[in-house]
Amino acid sequence: MTFLSSLFIFMATGILNPQMDDVKTYNVKSIQTEELIITGKGDSPRWKKANELSDFSYPWEKETPPKTSFKALHNNDWLYCLYTVYDDNINVYVKTNDKSEVVSSDRVEIFFRKDDRMSPYYGLELDAHARILDYEAEYHRKFNDKWSWPEGQLIVKSSPTKYGYIVEIAIGKKSLTQLGLLKNKQLEAGLFRANCLEINPGDESNIKWISWMKPASKTPDFHIPSTFGLLILED
């Protein structure tokens, strides 16, 4: 075996990319041709088939965060996601009901990117009232918040529960493919939650940040390459 051949194999397996070894994965089970009705309550029996991901942490806090659960399923046309959030003090900022108010509210988030250059990447920030802050962005934090997810390709519903709230999502595979995000049955995705402790009108709300991946940053920032894991869509 030549040196170049060995080098290629090492690169392909990630040996020369230490970050690859640290990337978490989540297997998205298939429901084939079956449909999942989005109600905002997560009450479809289909969800019993999904793997539950609860491996969320406070990357910049010392204490244990309140529980966050994520599930995903897919069929031929849709990626379905379900966030179950434990929160005994839900804060949602509403003034003009503009989508920018989501950033001052309790919410869950999903980011998608084409690759680790994050040029572009896409954010979906979804509050406890199912309001959507969607945007296209370039690294680092160059936002186009006038951008919207392709029409007819995103459904978001939510409901309060006795322990917090649920956000249920359907994302069209057509849009994921058109945006160059769904490749080889895989999605590079960041899964996050903003735990809003207090709304401060006219100022930044008091938020503690919850993440699936542990970002390589000393200060809160999800808009960096190390925040992304991998969603693997099973056959």
C-alpha atoms as a PDB file:
ATOM      1  CA  MET A   1       0.000   0.000   0.000  1.00  0.00           C
ATOM      2  CA  THR A   2       1.396   3.394  -1.008  1.00  0.00           C
ATOM      3  CA  PHE A   3       1.635   6.364   1.344  1.00  0.00           C
ATOM      4  CA  LEU A   4      -1.053   8.205  -0.619  1.00  0.00           C
ATOM      5  CA  SER A   5      -3.388   5.211  -0.403  1.00  0.00           C
ATOM      6  CA  SER A   6      -2.909   5.021   3.348  1.00  0.00           C
ATOM      7  CA  LEU A   7      -3.477   8.749   3.676  1.00  0.00           C
ATOM      8  CA  PHE A   8      -6.741   8.512   1.771  1.00  0.00           C
ATOM      9  CA  ILE A   9      -8.023   5.710   4.008  1.00  0.00           C
ATOM     10  CA  PHE A  10      -7.098   7.604   7.161  1.00  0.00           C
ATOM     11  CA  MET A  11      -8.896  10.702   5.929  1.00  0.00           C
ATOM     12  CA  ALA A  12     -11.972   8.707   4.912  1.00  0.00           C
ATOM     13  CA  THR A  13     -12.245   7.136   8.345  1.00  0.00           C
ATOM     14  CA  GLY A  14     -11.785  10.417  10.145  1.00  0.00           C
ATOM     15  CA  ILE A  15      -8.410   9.656  11.735  1.00  0.00           C
ATOM     16  CA  LEU A  16      -7.070  13.010  10.567  1.00  0.00           C
ATOM     17  CA  ASN A  17     -10.201  14.779  11.722  1.00  0.00           C
ATOM     18  CA  PRO A  18     -10.426  14.482  15.504  1.00  0.00           C
ATOM     19  CA  GLN A  19     -13.752  16.328  15.605  1.00  0.00           C
ATOM     20  CA  MET A  20     -15.383  13.490  13.668  1.00  0.00           C
ATOM     21  CA  ASP A  21     -14.778  11.089  16.562  1.00  0.00           C
ATOM     22  CA  ASP A  22     -16.664  13.433  18.884  1.00  0.00           C
ATOM     23  CA  VAL A  23     -19.788  13.777  16.742  1.00  0.00           C
ATOM     24  CA  LYS A  24     -22.897  12.239  18.269  1.00  0.00           C
ATOM     25  CA  THR A  25     -25.356  10.363  16.079  1.00  0.00           C
ATOM     26  CA  TYR A  26     -29.078   9.712  16.307  1.00  0.00           C
ATOM     27  CA  ASN A  27     -30.808   7.023  14.247  1.00  0.00           C
ATOM     28  CA  VAL A  28     -34.102   8.151  12.727  1.00  0.00           C
ATOM     29  CA  LYS A  29     -36.372   5.145  12.301  1.00  0.00           C
ATOM     30  CA  SER A  30     -38.509   4.805   9.188  1.00  0.00           C
ATOM     31  CA  ILE A  31     -42.290   4.457   9.195  1.00  0.00           C
ATOM     32  CA  GLN A  32     -42.131   3.654   5.472  1.00  0.00           C
ATOM     33  CA  THR A  33     -45.258   4.922   3.699  1.00  0.00           C
ATOM     34  CA  GLU A  34     -47.234   5.533   6.895  1.00  0.00           C
ATOM     35  CA  GLU A  35     -48.335   9.066   7.719  1.00  0.00           C
ATOM     36  CA  LEU A  36     -47.878  10.760  11.086  1.00  0.00           C
ATOM     37  CA  ILE A  37     -50.496  13.360  11.971  1.00  0.00           C
ATOM     38  CA  ILE A  38     -48.982  16.447  13.616  1.00  0.00           C
ATOM     39  CA  THR A  39     -51.240  17.627  16.455  1.00  0.00           C
ATOM     40  CA  GLY A  40     -48.758  19.396  18.716  1.00  0.00           C
ATOM     41  CA  LYS A  41     -49.450  16.829  21.420  1.00  0.00           C
ATOM     42  CA  GLY A  42     -47.110  14.057  20.319  1.00  0.00           C
ATOM     43  CA  ASP A  43     -50.007  11.636  20.684  1.00  0.00           C
ATOM     44  CA  SER A  44     -49.568   9.587  17.513  1.00  0.00           C
ATOM     45  CA  PRO A  45     -48.924   5.891  18.255  1.00  0.00           C
ATOM     46  CA  ARG A  46     -46.181   6.100  15.615  1.00  0.00           C
ATOM     47  CA  TRP A  47     -43.947   7.891  18.142  1.00  0.00           C
ATOM     48  CA  LYS A  48     -43.631   4.665  20.156  1.00  0.00           C
ATOM     49  CA  LYS A  49     -41.346   3.385  17.400  1.00  0.00           C
ATOM     50  CA  ALA A  50     -38.888   6.293  17.664  1.00  0.00           C
ATOM     51  CA  ASN A  51     -35.641   6.307  19.610  1.00  0.00           C
ATOM     52  CA  GLU A  52     -35.704   8.763  22.498  1.00  0.00           C
ATOM     53  CA  LEU A  53     -32.764  11.136  22.844  1.00  0.00           C
ATOM     54  CA  SER A  54     -32.425  12.806  26.236  1.00  0.00           C
ATOM     55  CA  ASP A  55     -28.672  13.388  26.187  1.00  0.00           C
ATOM     56  CA  PHE A  56     -28.916  17.157  26.631  1.00  0.00           C
ATOM     57  CA  SER A  57     -26.749  19.272  28.919  1.00  0.00           C
ATOM     58  CA  TYR A  58     -25.995  22.809  30.060  1.00  0.00           C
ATOM     59  CA  PRO A  59     -22.647  23.375  28.277  1.00  0.00           C
ATOM     60  CA  TRP A  60     -21.976  26.617  30.152  1.00  0.00           C
ATOM     61  CA  GLU A  61     -23.567  25.862  33.522  1.00  0.00           C
ATOM     62  CA  LYS A  62     -22.520  23.591  36.371  1.00  0.00           C
ATOM     63  CA  GLU A  63     -25.960  22.288  37.284  1.00  0.00           C
ATOM     64  CA  THR A  64     -28.065  19.612  35.612  1.00  0.00           C
ATOM     65  CA  PRO A  65     -30.652  21.055  33.197  1.00  0.00           C
ATOM     66  CA  PRO A  66     -34.366  20.263  33.226  1.00  0.00           C
ATOM     67  CA  LYS A  67     -35.169  17.291  31.038  1.00  0.00           C
ATOM     68  CA  THR A  68     -35.449  17.692  27.279  1.00  0.00           C
ATOM     69  CA  SER A  69     -36.480  14.778  25.064  1.00  0.00           C
ATOM     70  CA  PHE A  70     -36.120  14.586  21.272  1.00  0.00           C
ATOM     71  CA  LYS A  71     -37.555  12.000  18.913  1.00  0.00           C
ATOM     72  CA  ALA A  72     -37.555  11.753  15.123  1.00  0.00           C
ATOM     73  CA  LEU A  73     -39.137   9.535  12.480  1.00  0.00           C
ATOM     74  CA  HIS A  74     -39.309   9.698   8.698  1.00  0.00           C
ATOM     75  CA  ASN A  75     -41.313   8.392   5.783  1.00  0.00           C
ATOM     76  CA  ASN A  76     -40.972   8.906   2.039  1.00  0.00           C
ATOM     77  CA  ASP A  77     -41.898  12.586   2.176  1.00  0.00           C
ATOM     78  CA  TRP A  78     -41.359  13.946   5.690  1.00  0.00           C
ATOM     79  CA  LEU A  79     -38.952  14.162   8.580  1.00  0.00           C
ATOM     80  CA  TYR A  80     -40.944  14.288  11.817  1.00  0.00           C
ATOM     81  CA  CYS A  81     -39.471  15.688  15.033  1.00  0.00           C
ATOM     82  CA  LEU A  82     -40.854  15.799  18.556  1.00  0.00           C
ATOM     83  CA  TYR A  83     -39.501  17.854  21.433  1.00  0.00           C
ATOM     84  CA  THR A  84     -40.859  17.119  24.902  1.00  0.00           C
ATOM     85  CA  VAL A  85     -39.770  19.880  27.266  1.00  0.00           C
ATOM     86  CA  TYR A  86     -39.900  19.869  31.060  1.00  0.00           C
ATOM     87  CA  ASP A  87     -40.339  23.433  32.276  1.00  0.00           C
ATOM     88  CA  ASP A  88     -42.201  24.647  35.363  1.00  0.00           C
ATOM     89  CA  ASN A  89     -42.006  28.304  34.300  1.00  0.00           C
ATOM     90  CA  ILE A  90     -42.820  28.782  30.614  1.00  0.00           C
ATOM     91  CA  ASN A  91     -42.012  32.276  29.344  1.00  0.00           C
ATOM     92  CA  VAL A  92     -43.191  33.458  25.928  1.00  0.00           C
ATOM     93  CA  TYR A  93     -42.703  37.084  24.914  1.00  0.00           C
ATOM     94  CA  VAL A  94     -45.617  38.484  22.890  1.00  0.00           C
ATOM     95  CA  LYS A  95     -45.939  42.132  21.890  1.00  0.00           C
ATOM     96  CA  THR A  96     -46.560  42.469  18.145  1.00  0.00           C
ATOM     97  CA  ASN A  97     -46.316  38.711  17.508  1.00  0.00           C
ATOM     98  CA  ASP A  98     -43.378  39.277  15.154  1.00  0.00           C
ATOM     99  CA  LYS A  99     -41.220  36.217  14.649  1.00  0.00           C
ATOM    100  CA  SER A 100     -38.256  38.027  16.202  1.00  0.00           C
ATOM    101  CA  GLU A 101     -40.007  37.732  19.586  1.00  0.00           C
ATOM    102  CA  VAL A 102     -39.145  34.033  19.580  1.00  0.00           C
ATOM    103  CA  VAL A 103     -35.581  34.888  20.658  1.00  0.00           C
ATOM    104  CA  SER A 104     -36.901  36.220  23.980  1.00  0.00           C
ATOM    105  CA  SER A 105     -38.998  33.121  24.677  1.00  0.00           C
ATOM    106  CA  ASP A 106     -38.771  29.527  25.827  1.00  0.00           C
ATOM    107  CA  ARG A 107     -38.033  27.555  22.692  1.00  0.00           C
ATOM    108  CA  VAL A 108     -36.446  24.559  21.008  1.00  0.00           C
ATOM    109  CA  GLU A 109     -34.124  24.813  18.041  1.00  0.00           C
ATOM    110  CA  ILE A 110     -32.906  22.743  15.111  1.00  0.00           C
ATOM    111  CA  PHE A 111     -30.025  23.878  12.907  1.00  0.00           C
ATOM    112  CA  PHE A 112     -29.101  22.217   9.607  1.00  0.00           C
ATOM    113  CA  ARG A 113     -25.928  22.693   7.568  1.00  0.00           C
ATOM    114  CA  LYS A 114     -24.490  21.417   4.300  1.00  0.00           C
ATOM    115  CA  ASP A 115     -20.996  20.919   5.724  1.00  0.00           C
ATOM    116  CA  ASP A 116     -18.708  22.182   8.468  1.00  0.00           C
ATOM    117  CA  ARG A 117     -18.038  25.443   6.615  1.00  0.00           C
ATOM    118  CA  MET A 118     -21.609  26.428   7.518  1.00  0.00           C
ATOM    119  CA  SER A 119     -21.982  28.462   4.342  1.00  0.00           C
ATOM    120  CA  PRO A 120     -24.894  28.423   4.430  1.00  0.00           C
ATOM    121  CA  TYR A 121     -26.699  26.878   7.366  1.00  0.00           C
ATOM    122  CA  TYR A 122     -30.353  27.105   8.388  1.00  0.00           C
ATOM    123  CA  GLY A 123     -32.019  27.746  11.725  1.00  0.00           C
ATOM    124  CA  LEU A 124     -35.463  26.798  12.997  1.00  0.00           C
ATOM    125  CA  GLU A 125     -36.215  28.301  16.418  1.00  0.00           C
ATOM    126  CA  LEU A 126     -39.650  27.250  17.655  1.00  0.00           C
ATOM    127  CA  ASP A 127     -41.213  28.654  20.797  1.00  0.00           C
ATOM    128  CA  ALA A 128     -43.748  27.143  23.193  1.00  0.00           C
ATOM    129  CA  HIS A 129     -46.579  28.778  21.186  1.00  0.00           C
ATOM    130  CA  ALA A 130     -45.334  27.151  17.935  1.00  0.00           C
ATOM    131  CA  ARG A 131     -44.131  30.466  16.521  1.00  0.00           C
ATOM    132  CA  ILE A 132     -41.337  30.024  14.009  1.00  0.00           C
ATOM    133  CA  LEU A 133     -38.127  32.000  13.677  1.00  0.00           C
ATOM    134  CA  ASP A 134     -36.557  30.637  10.501  1.00  0.00           C
ATOM    135  CA  TYR A 135     -33.471  31.996   8.793  1.00  0.00           C
ATOM    136  CA  GLU A 136     -30.609  31.305   6.465  1.00  0.00           C
ATOM    137  CA  ALA A 137     -27.163  32.228   7.766  1.00  0.00           C
ATOM    138  CA  GLU A 138     -23.479  32.242   6.900  1.00  0.00           C
ATOM    139  CA  TYR A 139     -20.707  31.548   9.355  1.00  0.00           C
ATOM    140  CA  HIS A 140     -20.221  33.392  11.668  1.00  0.00           C
ATOM    141  CA  ARG A 141     -23.654  34.802  12.663  1.00  0.00           C
ATOM    142  CA  LYS A 142     -24.408  36.503   9.341  1.00  0.00           C
ATOM    143  CA  PHE A 143     -28.188  36.151   9.397  1.00  0.00           C
ATOM    144  CA  ASN A 144     -30.775  36.591   6.674  1.00  0.00           C
ATOM    145  CA  ASP A 145     -33.899  36.611   8.842  1.00  0.00           C
ATOM    146  CA  LYS A 146     -36.052  37.693   5.883  1.00  0.00           C
ATOM    147  CA  TRP A 147     -35.543  34.195   4.500  1.00  0.00           C
ATOM    148  CA  SER A 148     -38.315  31.663   5.100  1.00  0.00           C
ATOM    149  CA  TRP A 149     -38.405  27.900   4.956  1.00  0.00           C
ATOM    150  CA  PRO A 150     -39.792  26.732   1.573  1.00  0.00           C
ATOM    151  CA  GLU A 151     -43.557  27.121   1.465  1.00  0.00           C
ATOM    152  CA  GLY A 152     -45.614  24.064   2.328  1.00  0.00           C
ATOM    153  CA  GLN A 153     -42.579  22.210   3.643  1.00  0.00           C
ATOM    154  CA  LEU A 154     -42.766  23.009   7.357  1.00  0.00           C
ATOM    155  CA  ILE A 155     -45.481  22.258   9.923  1.00  0.00           C
ATOM    156  CA  VAL A 156     -45.070  23.230  13.578  1.00  0.00           C
ATOM    157  CA  LYS A 157     -47.626  22.712  16.350  1.00  0.00           C
ATOM    158  CA  SER A 158     -47.310  22.863  20.119  1.00  0.00           C
ATOM    159  CA  SER A 159     -49.261  22.328  23.309  1.00  0.00           C
ATOM    160  CA  PRO A 160     -48.772  22.941  27.027  1.00  0.00           C
ATOM    161  CA  THR A 161     -48.506  19.961  29.351  1.00  0.00           C
ATOM    162  CA  LYS A 162     -48.644  19.543  33.124  1.00  0.00           C
ATOM    163  CA  TYR A 163     -44.843  19.341  33.138  1.00  0.00           C
ATOM    164  CA  GLY A 164     -43.934  21.865  30.411  1.00  0.00           C
ATOM    165  CA  TYR A 165     -44.683  21.888  26.698  1.00  0.00           C
ATOM    166  CA  ILE A 166     -44.435  19.865  23.491  1.00  0.00           C
ATOM    167  CA  VAL A 167     -43.334  21.016  20.044  1.00  0.00           C
ATOM    168  CA  GLU A 168     -44.111  18.715  17.121  1.00  0.00           C
ATOM    169  CA  ILE A 169     -42.586  19.332  13.709  1.00  0.00           C
ATOM    170  CA  ALA A 170     -42.841  18.013  10.158  1.00  0.00           C
ATOM    171  CA  ILE A 171     -40.166  19.038   7.638  1.00  0.00           C
ATOM    172  CA  GLY A 172     -40.592  18.133   3.988  1.00  0.00           C
ATOM    173  CA  LYS A 173     -37.802  16.018   2.538  1.00  0.00           C
ATOM    174  CA  LYS A 174     -38.248  17.914  -0.701  1.00  0.00           C
ATOM    175  CA  SER A 175     -37.023  21.087   1.007  1.00  0.00           C
ATOM    176  CA  LEU A 176     -34.176  19.295   2.789  1.00  0.00           C
ATOM    177  CA  THR A 177     -33.007  17.960  -0.568  1.00  0.00           C
ATOM    178  CA  GLN A 178     -33.440  21.259  -2.440  1.00  0.00           C
ATOM    179  CA  LEU A 179     -31.405  23.074   0.226  1.00  0.00           C
ATOM    180  CA  GLY A 180     -28.622  20.514  -0.129  1.00  0.00           C
ATOM    181  CA  LEU A 181     -29.011  19.263   3.438  1.00  0.00           C
ATOM    182  CA  LEU A 182     -30.197  15.670   3.014  1.00  0.00           C
ATOM    183  CA  LYS A 183     -27.293  13.670   1.604  1.00  0.00           C
ATOM    184  CA  ASN A 184     -26.804   9.907   1.635  1.00  0.00           C
ATOM    185  CA  LYS A 185     -29.713   9.577   4.089  1.00  0.00           C
ATOM    186  CA  GLN A 186     -27.924  11.796   6.590  1.00  0.00           C
ATOM    187  CA  LEU A 187     -28.508  15.261   8.042  1.00  0.00           C
ATOM    188  CA  GLU A 188     -25.934  17.359   9.872  1.00  0.00           C
ATOM    189  CA  ALA A 189     -28.047  18.886  12.622  1.00  0.00           C
ATOM    190  CA  GLY A 190     -27.786  20.792  15.870  1.00  0.00           C
ATOM    191  CA  LEU A 191     -30.425  20.187  18.549  1.00  0.00           C
ATOM    192  CA  PHE A 192     -30.867  22.860  21.185  1.00  0.00           C
ATOM    193  CA  ARG A 193     -33.171  24.411  23.747  1.00  0.00           C
ATOM    194  CA  ALA A 194     -33.338  27.908  25.183  1.00  0.00           C
ATOM    195  CA  ASN A 195     -34.558  27.741  28.778  1.00  0.00           C
ATOM    196  CA  CYS A 196     -35.943  31.233  29.375  1.00  0.00           C
ATOM    197  CA  LEU A 197     -35.874  32.001  33.092  1.00  0.00           C
ATOM    198  CA  GLU A 198     -37.166  35.560  32.840  1.00  0.00           C
ATOM    199  CA  ILE A 199     -38.389  37.908  30.114  1.00  0.00           C
ATOM    200  CA  ASN A 200     -36.798  41.344  30.207  1.00  0.00           C
ATOM    201  CA  PRO A 201     -38.761  43.665  27.866  1.00  0.00           C
ATOM    202  CA  GLY A 202     -36.422  45.952  25.947  1.00  0.00           C
ATOM    203  CA  ASP A 203     -33.420  43.888  26.967  1.00  0.00           C
ATOM    204  CA  GLU A 204     -32.092  40.374  26.520  1.00  0.00           C
ATOM    205  CA  SER A 205     -34.113  37.715  28.322  1.00  0.00           C
ATOM    206  CA  ASN A 206     -32.406  35.625  30.982  1.00  0.00           C
ATOM    207  CA  ILE A 207     -31.711  32.362  29.176  1.00  0.00           C
ATOM    208  CA  LYS A 208     -29.766  29.226  29.992  1.00  0.00           C
ATOM    209  CA  TRP A 209     -28.704  27.253  26.939  1.00  0.00           C
ATOM    210  CA  ILE A 210     -29.192  23.511  26.522  1.00  0.00           C
ATOM    211  CA  SER A 211     -27.488  21.442  23.814  1.00  0.00           C
ATOM    212  CA  TRP A 212     -27.125  17.892  22.502  1.00  0.00           C
ATOM    213  CA  MET A 213     -23.490  18.429  21.493  1.00  0.00           C
ATOM    214  CA  LYS A 214     -20.940  20.158  23.719  1.00  0.00           C
ATOM    215  CA  PRO A 215     -19.837  23.263  21.779  1.00  0.00           C
ATOM    216  CA  ALA A 216     -16.135  24.106  21.657  1.00  0.00           C
ATOM    217  CA  SER A 217     -16.713  27.586  23.023  1.00  0.00           C
ATOM    218  CA  LYS A 218     -16.123  29.138  26.439  1.00  0.00           C
ATOM    219  CA  THR A 219     -19.133  31.427  26.001  1.00  0.00           C
ATOM    220  CA  PRO A 220     -22.655  30.551  24.787  1.00  0.00           C
ATOM    221  CA  ASP A 221     -22.691  30.118  21.010  1.00  0.00           C
ATOM    222  CA  PHE A 222     -24.537  27.490  18.974  1.00  0.00           C
ATOM    223  CA  HIS A 223     -23.532  29.054  15.651  1.00  0.00           C
ATOM    224  CA  ILE A 224     -20.230  27.202  15.356  1.00  0.00           C
ATOM    225  CA  PRO A 225     -19.244  23.876  13.706  1.00  0.00           C
ATOM    226  CA  SER A 226     -18.812  21.883  16.936  1.00  0.00           C
ATOM    227  CA  THR A 227     -22.522  22.125  17.815  1.00  0.00           C
ATOM    228  CA  PHE A 228     -23.652  19.764  15.048  1.00  0.00           C
ATOM    229  CA  GLY A 229     -24.329  16.056  15.320  1.00  0.00           C
ATOM    230  CA  LEU A 230     -25.605  13.606  12.734  1.00  0.00           C
ATOM    231  CA  LEU A 231     -29.149  12.346  12.096  1.00  0.00           C
ATOM    232  CA  ILE A 232     -29.014   9.027  10.234  1.00  0.00           C
ATOM    233  CA  LEU A 233     -32.200   8.067   8.397  1.00  0.00           C
ATOM    234  CA  GLU A 234     -32.727   4.302   8.545  1.00  0.00           C
ATOM    235  CA  ASP A 235     -34.243   2.261   5.726  1.00  0.00           C
END
